[in-house]
Amino acid sequence: MVTLSVIKADIGGFVGHSNTHPEILEIAKKRLEEAKGNGILIDYYVTRCGDDLQLIMTHNKGIENKEINTLAWNIFLECAEKAKELKLYGAGQDILSTAFSGNLKGMGPGYAEIDFEERKSEPVLIFMADKTEPGAWNLPLFRIFADPFNTAGLVIDPEMHDGFTFEVHDVIEHKKVIFRCPEEMYDLLALIGQPGRYIIKYVRRKSDNEIVAATSTTRLSLIAGKYVGKDDPVMIVRAQKGLPAVGEVLEPFAFPHLVAGWMRGSHQGPFMPCSYEDAHPTRFDGPPRVMCFGFQLSNGKLIGPIDMFKDPAFDRAREQANLIADYMRRHGPFQPHLLGADELEYTTLKEVMNKFKDRFQPLE
């Protein structure tokens, strides 16, 4: 059994919220190389998406392992100190508490993990996003694992024909529910179309209940009670041989659907698929970006990565995203570009509105 863990944190932006300083990446690489040498990890890869540090790790310790969580946490703390030294913007903003007890839940960093027995060929796709929230994965995951117009394998592959189950988390009331698709497809859609509250955490194959996709569901504002930066989620999707093909997994991102986040975490914007080189959002701190690295796993070793969106086939999606960005930006501070009142409750707008709340008078 191998465990694939993707753990991320916003350590500090270079410059503003646009990128990650090279020294931050080097610290993380050094510490993970030490952990590999000490037998804690099988393999690792360090990267960034915008201003978020991404730790991709393989090991044999299972999900939510205290040793792996502590390793990542200590790396984030050391990197945060370097970020403060460099005066990077928002240094250590995803570290919401120093009272760490070996579990990352509620501490700020986002994480997605899967453990499984490797198949004869084990392709995995790791998606990393910047300037958006975990619910951004809802629409793509539905299309990958439940929409036959996206995934032909749901119709013609006998190993997929029975469908998949979706574990959905209510991040407001801290509950979960599992839906079987295709038979409960409409019930699933009734929830996941509200991505600020209902988030797909896991997708499982019906035949053996094996997890085939996992996401991070950390909502920073709900933990901190105020806006401390957007969540910038990650996602792992396994592909091929009884699962959607790599091309079927990537296909939903040819449509740059609207997601919450962008500037100050307060706006709707198009989810732009981009290469690693272009994952440094600057226009209005955006628009929201998604990058994807593909690996082949071989006895826990990460063979790769391939930059999956570095493909001219996604140029049209990027063009559409820029057109949508133009359209949304022209709304200025008006909805639907601006988020709804329930989402803005956790942003800095509330402090502005407190200035004049006592000036309201009853209607006659």
Protein backbone atom coordinates (compact mmCIF):
# COMPACT_ATOMS: atom_id res chain seq x y z
CA MET A 1 0.00 0.00 0.00
CA VAL A 2 1.31 3.43 -0.96
CA THR A 3 0.03 6.77 0.32
CA LEU A 4 0.09 9.86 -1.85
CA SER A 5 -0.12 13.09 0.16
CA VAL A 6 -0.41 16.60 -1.27
CA ILE A 7 -0.12 19.28 1.42
CA LYS A 8 -0.05 23.01 0.66
CA ALA A 9 0.17 26.33 2.44
CA ASP A 10 0.42 29.99 1.53
CA ILE A 11 3.77 30.89 3.10
CA GLY A 12 4.07 34.39 1.66
CA GLY A 13 3.67 36.03 -1.72
CA PHE A 14 6.45 37.21 -4.04
CA VAL A 15 5.50 39.88 -5.22
CA GLY A 16 2.15 40.58 -3.57
CA HIS A 17 0.03 37.44 -4.02
CA SER A 18 1.49 36.45 -7.38
CA ASN A 19 4.33 33.95 -6.86
CA THR A 20 6.57 32.05 -4.42
CA HIS A 21 10.15 33.02 -3.65
CA PRO A 22 12.79 30.47 -4.82
CA GLU A 23 14.36 30.31 -1.34
CA ILE A 24 11.05 29.01 0.05
CA LEU A 25 11.09 26.17 -2.46
CA GLU A 26 14.71 25.34 -1.67
CA ILE A 27 14.03 25.05 2.07
CA ALA A 28 11.16 22.65 1.40
CA LYS A 29 13.26 20.54 -1.00
CA LYS A 30 16.09 20.29 1.53
CA ARG A 31 13.81 19.15 4.36
CA LEU A 32 11.97 16.60 2.22
CA GLU A 33 15.25 15.21 0.90
CA GLU A 34 16.34 14.72 4.53
CA ALA A 35 13.05 12.98 5.30
CA LYS A 36 13.53 10.70 2.30
CA GLY A 37 17.06 9.88 3.45
CA ASN A 38 15.73 9.04 6.92
CA GLY A 39 13.17 6.63 5.49
CA ILE A 40 10.13 8.76 6.31
CA LEU A 41 9.26 9.28 2.65
CA ILE A 42 9.57 7.10 -0.42
CA ASP A 43 9.68 10.10 -2.75
CA TYR A 44 8.66 13.75 -3.01
CA TYR A 45 8.26 16.68 -5.36
CA VAL A 46 8.17 20.36 -4.39
CA THR A 47 6.45 22.99 -6.49
CA ARG A 48 4.25 26.05 -6.22
CA CYS A 49 1.03 27.38 -7.69
CA GLY A 50 0.96 31.16 -7.46
CA ASP A 51 1.89 32.04 -3.89
CA ASP A 52 1.19 28.56 -2.51
CA LEU A 53 3.91 26.08 -1.58
CA GLN A 54 3.00 22.53 -2.64
CA LEU A 55 4.49 19.40 -1.03
CA ILE A 56 3.83 16.20 -3.01
CA MET A 57 4.91 13.13 -1.03
CA THR A 58 4.68 9.34 -1.18
CA HIS A 59 5.10 7.06 1.84
CA ASN A 60 3.72 3.92 3.51
CA LYS A 61 2.23 5.49 6.62
CA GLY A 62 -1.41 5.96 5.59
CA ILE A 63 -3.52 9.09 5.44
CA GLU A 64 -3.61 11.68 8.25
CA ASN A 65 -0.37 10.29 9.63
CA LYS A 66 1.07 12.28 12.53
CA GLU A 67 4.69 11.97 11.36
CA ILE A 68 3.87 13.19 7.83
CA ASN A 69 1.68 16.01 9.14
CA THR A 70 4.42 17.09 11.53
CA LEU A 71 7.00 17.03 8.75
CA ALA A 72 4.88 19.32 6.57
CA TRP A 73 4.02 21.61 9.49
CA ASN A 74 7.66 22.08 10.48
CA ILE A 75 8.56 22.87 6.87
CA PHE A 76 5.81 25.48 6.71
CA LEU A 77 7.02 27.05 9.98
CA GLU A 78 10.62 27.26 8.74
CA CYS A 79 9.51 28.65 5.39
CA ALA A 80 7.30 31.20 7.15
CA GLU A 81 10.31 32.47 9.10
CA LYS A 82 12.22 32.90 5.84
CA ALA A 83 9.20 34.66 4.34
CA LYS A 84 9.16 37.10 7.24
CA GLU A 85 12.89 37.69 6.83
CA LEU A 86 12.33 38.46 3.12
CA LYS A 87 9.28 40.59 4.01
CA LEU A 88 7.11 38.55 1.66
CA TYR A 89 3.46 39.54 1.57
CA GLY A 90 1.18 37.70 4.01
CA ALA A 91 4.09 35.70 5.44
CA GLY A 92 2.75 32.58 7.16
CA GLN A 93 -0.90 33.47 6.53
CA ASP A 94 -2.06 29.84 6.35
CA ILE A 95 -0.60 29.07 9.79
CA LEU A 96 -3.64 29.84 11.90
CA SER A 97 -2.34 28.45 15.18
CA THR A 98 0.94 27.45 16.79
CA ALA A 99 -0.71 24.83 19.03
CA PHE A 100 0.11 21.93 16.71
CA SER A 101 -0.55 18.40 17.98
CA GLY A 102 0.28 16.31 14.93
CA ASN A 103 -2.97 16.81 13.00
CA LEU A 104 -3.33 19.44 10.26
CA LYS A 105 -7.12 19.55 10.54
CA GLY A 106 -8.18 23.09 11.42
CA MET A 107 -4.61 24.41 11.39
CA GLY A 108 -4.75 26.25 8.04
CA PRO A 109 -2.81 24.21 5.43
CA GLY A 110 -4.83 22.30 2.85
CA TYR A 111 -4.28 18.62 2.14
CA ALA A 112 -5.53 15.79 -0.07
CA GLU A 113 -4.44 12.19 0.45
CA ILE A 114 -5.11 8.75 -1.06
CA ASP A 115 -3.72 5.33 -0.18
CA PHE A 116 -3.98 2.38 -2.54
CA GLU A 117 -2.29 -0.68 -3.99
CA GLU A 118 -0.43 0.27 -7.16
CA ARG A 119 -1.78 -1.20 -10.37
CA LYS A 120 0.35 -2.46 -13.26
CA SER A 121 0.32 1.16 -14.47
CA GLU A 122 -0.60 3.93 -12.03
CA PRO A 123 -1.09 7.39 -13.58
CA VAL A 124 -2.11 10.11 -11.12
CA LEU A 125 -3.03 13.72 -11.78
CA ILE A 126 -2.42 16.38 -9.15
CA PHE A 127 -4.37 19.59 -9.53
CA MET A 128 -3.29 22.74 -7.72
CA ALA A 129 -5.29 25.98 -7.67
CA ASP A 130 -4.71 29.57 -6.65
CA LYS A 131 -7.18 32.35 -5.82
CA THR A 132 -10.20 30.13 -5.30
CA GLU A 133 -12.01 27.85 -2.84
CA PRO A 134 -12.29 24.03 -2.46
CA GLY A 135 -15.74 23.96 -4.08
CA ALA A 136 -14.05 24.84 -7.37
CA TRP A 137 -13.49 21.09 -7.86
CA ASN A 138 -17.21 20.22 -7.66
CA LEU A 139 -18.10 20.81 -11.29
CA PRO A 140 -15.01 19.10 -12.77
CA LEU A 141 -15.38 16.07 -10.47
CA PHE A 142 -19.03 15.67 -11.43
CA ARG A 143 -18.16 15.77 -15.10
CA ILE A 144 -15.21 13.38 -14.72
CA PHE A 145 -17.03 10.69 -12.74
CA ALA A 146 -20.75 11.16 -13.50
CA ASP A 147 -21.22 12.90 -16.86
CA PRO A 148 -21.19 10.54 -19.89
CA PHE A 149 -20.98 13.52 -22.25
CA ASN A 150 -17.54 14.18 -20.73
CA THR A 151 -16.41 10.65 -19.87
CA ALA A 152 -17.20 8.13 -22.58
CA GLY A 153 -15.91 5.34 -20.32
CA LEU A 154 -19.05 5.59 -18.19
CA VAL A 155 -20.92 4.21 -21.20
CA ILE A 156 -18.44 1.93 -22.97
CA ASP A 157 -16.06 0.68 -20.26
CA PRO A 158 -17.63 -2.26 -18.35
CA GLU A 159 -15.37 -1.53 -15.34
CA MET A 160 -16.86 1.98 -15.00
CA HIS A 161 -20.40 1.34 -16.19
CA ASP A 162 -21.84 0.92 -12.67
CA GLY A 163 -20.64 4.41 -11.72
CA PHE A 164 -19.07 5.97 -8.65
CA THR A 165 -20.00 7.29 -5.21
CA PHE A 166 -19.42 10.87 -4.07
CA GLU A 167 -18.73 11.84 -0.45
CA VAL A 168 -19.93 15.41 0.04
CA HIS A 169 -18.99 17.50 3.06
CA ASP A 170 -21.14 20.28 4.49
CA VAL A 171 -18.38 22.61 5.71
CA ILE A 172 -20.83 24.85 7.56
CA GLU A 173 -22.51 22.21 9.75
CA HIS A 174 -19.58 19.73 9.61
CA LYS A 175 -21.58 16.81 8.22
CA LYS A 176 -21.12 14.44 5.30
CA VAL A 177 -23.38 12.50 2.96
CA ILE A 178 -22.63 9.89 0.28
CA PHE A 179 -24.45 9.72 -3.06
CA ARG A 180 -24.41 6.86 -5.55
CA CYS A 181 -24.30 7.82 -9.21
CA PRO A 182 -25.92 7.62 -11.66
CA GLU A 183 -29.01 6.65 -9.62
CA GLU A 184 -28.73 9.59 -7.18
CA MET A 185 -27.28 12.09 -9.65
CA TYR A 186 -30.02 14.69 -9.17
CA ASP A 187 -29.69 14.54 -5.39
CA LEU A 188 -25.94 15.07 -5.73
CA LEU A 189 -26.44 18.08 -8.00
CA ALA A 190 -28.90 19.61 -5.53
CA LEU A 191 -25.97 20.10 -3.14
CA ILE A 192 -22.76 20.49 -5.13
CA GLY A 193 -24.13 23.40 -7.15
CA GLN A 194 -23.63 25.35 -3.89
CA PRO A 195 -19.82 25.01 -3.75
CA GLY A 196 -19.31 27.50 -0.93
CA ARG A 197 -20.94 25.05 1.49
CA TYR A 198 -21.08 21.57 -0.06
CA ILE A 199 -17.74 20.17 -1.26
CA ILE A 200 -16.90 16.82 -2.81
CA LYS A 201 -14.20 15.30 -0.58
CA TYR A 202 -13.83 11.80 -2.03
CA VAL A 203 -14.93 9.87 -5.10
CA ARG A 204 -14.98 6.07 -4.78
CA ARG A 205 -15.40 3.29 -7.30
CA LYS A 206 -18.58 1.35 -6.57
CA SER A 207 -17.17 -2.07 -7.34
CA ASP A 208 -14.58 -2.06 -4.53
CA ASN A 209 -15.21 1.23 -2.66
CA GLU A 210 -11.64 2.30 -3.45
CA ILE A 211 -10.92 6.04 -3.28
CA VAL A 212 -10.07 7.32 -6.76
CA ALA A 213 -10.15 11.08 -6.15
CA ALA A 214 -9.57 13.25 -3.09
CA THR A 215 -9.66 16.99 -2.47
CA SER A 216 -8.70 19.46 0.23
CA THR A 217 -11.73 20.99 1.96
CA THR A 218 -10.07 23.54 4.25
CA ARG A 219 -12.07 26.80 4.43
CA LEU A 220 -9.71 29.29 6.09
CA SER A 221 -12.34 31.94 6.80
CA LEU A 222 -14.59 29.44 8.58
CA ILE A 223 -11.70 28.37 10.80
CA ALA A 224 -10.39 31.85 11.56
CA GLY A 225 -13.79 33.58 11.62
CA LYS A 226 -12.49 36.27 9.27
CA TYR A 227 -10.83 36.64 5.90
CA VAL A 228 -7.20 35.47 6.03
CA GLY A 229 -6.71 34.62 2.37
CA LYS A 230 -8.42 32.24 -0.03
CA ASP A 231 -8.13 28.49 0.40
CA ASP A 232 -6.31 27.59 -2.85
CA PRO A 233 -7.25 23.89 -2.89
CA VAL A 234 -5.53 20.76 -4.21
CA MET A 235 -6.94 17.57 -5.72
CA ILE A 236 -5.65 14.09 -6.57
CA VAL A 237 -7.27 12.02 -9.33
CA ARG A 238 -6.22 8.51 -10.37
CA ALA A 239 -6.72 7.61 -14.04
CA GLN A 240 -6.94 4.77 -16.60
CA LYS A 241 -7.75 1.03 -16.30
CA GLY A 242 -11.26 1.02 -14.91
CA LEU A 243 -11.12 4.75 -14.20
CA PRO A 244 -11.55 7.78 -16.44
CA ALA A 245 -8.74 8.20 -18.97
CA VAL A 246 -6.25 11.03 -18.47
CA GLY A 247 -7.92 12.96 -21.29
CA GLU A 248 -11.34 12.51 -19.69
CA VAL A 249 -10.01 13.82 -16.38
CA LEU A 250 -8.59 16.93 -18.05
CA GLU A 251 -11.52 17.64 -20.36
CA PRO A 252 -13.75 19.57 -17.88
CA PHE A 253 -11.06 22.22 -17.56
CA ALA A 254 -11.50 23.14 -21.23
CA PHE A 255 -14.49 25.09 -19.88
CA PRO A 256 -13.30 27.93 -17.59
CA HIS A 257 -16.27 27.85 -15.22
CA LEU A 258 -16.85 30.61 -12.67
CA VAL A 259 -15.39 30.11 -9.20
CA ALA A 260 -15.30 32.21 -6.04
CA GLY A 261 -12.10 33.93 -4.98
CA TRP A 262 -9.99 36.20 -7.17
CA MET A 263 -9.21 39.62 -5.62
CA ARG A 264 -9.43 39.65 -1.79
CA GLY A 265 -11.35 36.37 -1.99
CA SER A 266 -14.45 38.43 -2.76
CA HIS A 267 -15.18 37.96 -6.45
CA GLN A 268 -16.36 35.44 -9.04
CA GLY A 269 -13.94 34.73 -11.88
CA PRO A 270 -13.10 32.17 -14.56
CA PHE A 271 -11.04 29.12 -13.59
CA MET A 272 -8.12 29.38 -16.04
CA PRO A 273 -6.13 26.20 -16.82
CA CYS A 274 -2.46 27.10 -17.20
CA SER A 275 1.08 25.77 -17.25
CA TYR A 276 3.45 25.98 -14.31
CA GLU A 277 5.14 29.01 -15.90
CA ASP A 278 1.82 30.84 -16.15
CA ALA A 279 0.60 29.98 -12.64
CA HIS A 280 1.46 33.41 -11.30
CA PRO A 281 -1.83 35.38 -11.30
CA THR A 282 -1.40 39.15 -11.51
CA ARG A 283 -4.47 40.70 -13.16
CA PHE A 284 -6.66 41.84 -10.27
CA ASP A 285 -4.67 39.15 -8.43
CA GLY A 286 -6.05 36.63 -10.89
CA PRO A 287 -8.01 35.37 -12.60
CA PRO A 288 -8.11 32.12 -10.58
CA ARG A 289 -5.62 29.55 -11.88
CA VAL A 290 -5.47 25.79 -12.01
CA MET A 291 -2.37 23.79 -12.96
CA CYS A 292 -2.01 20.02 -13.22
CA PHE A 293 1.03 17.79 -12.87
CA GLY A 294 0.84 14.22 -14.09
CA PHE A 295 2.97 11.44 -12.56
CA GLN A 296 3.37 7.73 -13.07
CA LEU A 297 3.83 5.95 -9.74
CA SER A 298 6.31 3.09 -9.68
CA ASN A 299 6.78 1.41 -6.29
CA GLY A 300 5.99 4.75 -4.70
CA LYS A 301 8.42 6.69 -6.88
CA LEU A 302 7.05 9.80 -8.57
CA ILE A 303 7.97 9.47 -12.25
CA GLY A 304 7.49 12.92 -13.76
CA PRO A 305 5.97 15.40 -13.71
CA ILE A 306 4.35 16.24 -17.01
CA ASP A 307 2.82 19.74 -17.08
CA MET A 308 -0.61 18.64 -18.35
CA PHE A 309 -2.08 22.06 -19.20
CA LYS A 310 1.04 23.09 -21.15
CA ASP A 311 -0.83 22.09 -24.27
CA PRO A 312 -2.14 24.35 -27.05
CA ALA A 313 -5.40 22.41 -26.90
CA PHE A 314 -6.20 24.51 -23.81
CA ASP A 315 -5.39 27.83 -25.52
CA ARG A 316 -9.07 28.37 -26.35
CA ALA A 317 -10.00 27.88 -22.69
CA ARG A 318 -7.43 30.49 -21.73
CA GLU A 319 -8.79 32.88 -24.35
CA GLN A 320 -12.32 32.33 -23.06
CA ALA A 321 -11.13 32.88 -19.49
CA ASN A 322 -9.65 36.25 -20.48
CA LEU A 323 -12.90 37.26 -22.20
CA ILE A 324 -14.89 36.22 -19.14
CA ALA A 325 -12.46 38.14 -16.94
CA ASP A 326 -13.05 41.27 -19.06
CA TYR A 327 -16.81 40.86 -18.73
CA MET A 328 -16.80 40.19 -14.99
CA ARG A 329 -14.37 43.02 -14.21
CA ARG A 330 -16.65 45.58 -15.87
CA HIS A 331 -19.20 44.92 -13.10
CA GLY A 332 -16.79 46.53 -10.63
CA PRO A 333 -18.17 46.28 -7.06
CA PHE A 334 -21.54 44.89 -8.21
CA GLN A 335 -22.80 41.33 -8.13
CA PRO A 336 -22.43 38.84 -9.78
CA HIS A 337 -18.72 39.78 -9.93
CA LEU A 338 -18.83 40.55 -6.21
CA LEU A 339 -19.72 37.54 -4.06
CA GLY A 340 -23.01 37.26 -2.20
CA ALA A 341 -23.56 38.59 1.31
CA ASP A 342 -23.02 35.20 3.00
CA GLU A 343 -19.53 34.89 1.52
CA LEU A 344 -18.64 38.55 2.10
CA GLU A 345 -19.47 38.12 5.78
CA TYR A 346 -15.95 36.74 6.27
CA THR A 347 -14.12 39.41 4.28
CA THR A 348 -12.89 42.89 5.18
CA LEU A 349 -16.11 44.43 3.78
CA LYS A 350 -17.79 43.70 7.11
CA GLU A 351 -15.41 46.14 8.84
CA VAL A 352 -16.38 48.86 6.36
CA MET A 353 -20.11 48.24 6.88
CA ASN A 354 -19.70 48.39 10.65
CA LYS A 355 -18.85 52.09 10.26
CA PHE A 356 -22.38 53.01 9.25
CA LYS A 357 -24.55 50.20 10.63
CA ASP A 358 -25.95 52.46 13.37
CA ARG A 359 -27.13 55.01 10.82
CA PHE A 360 -29.91 52.74 9.56
CA GLN A 361 -33.40 53.89 10.60
CA PRO A 362 -36.71 52.02 10.53
CA LEU A 363 -38.90 52.50 7.46
CA GLU A 364 -42.05 54.46 8.18
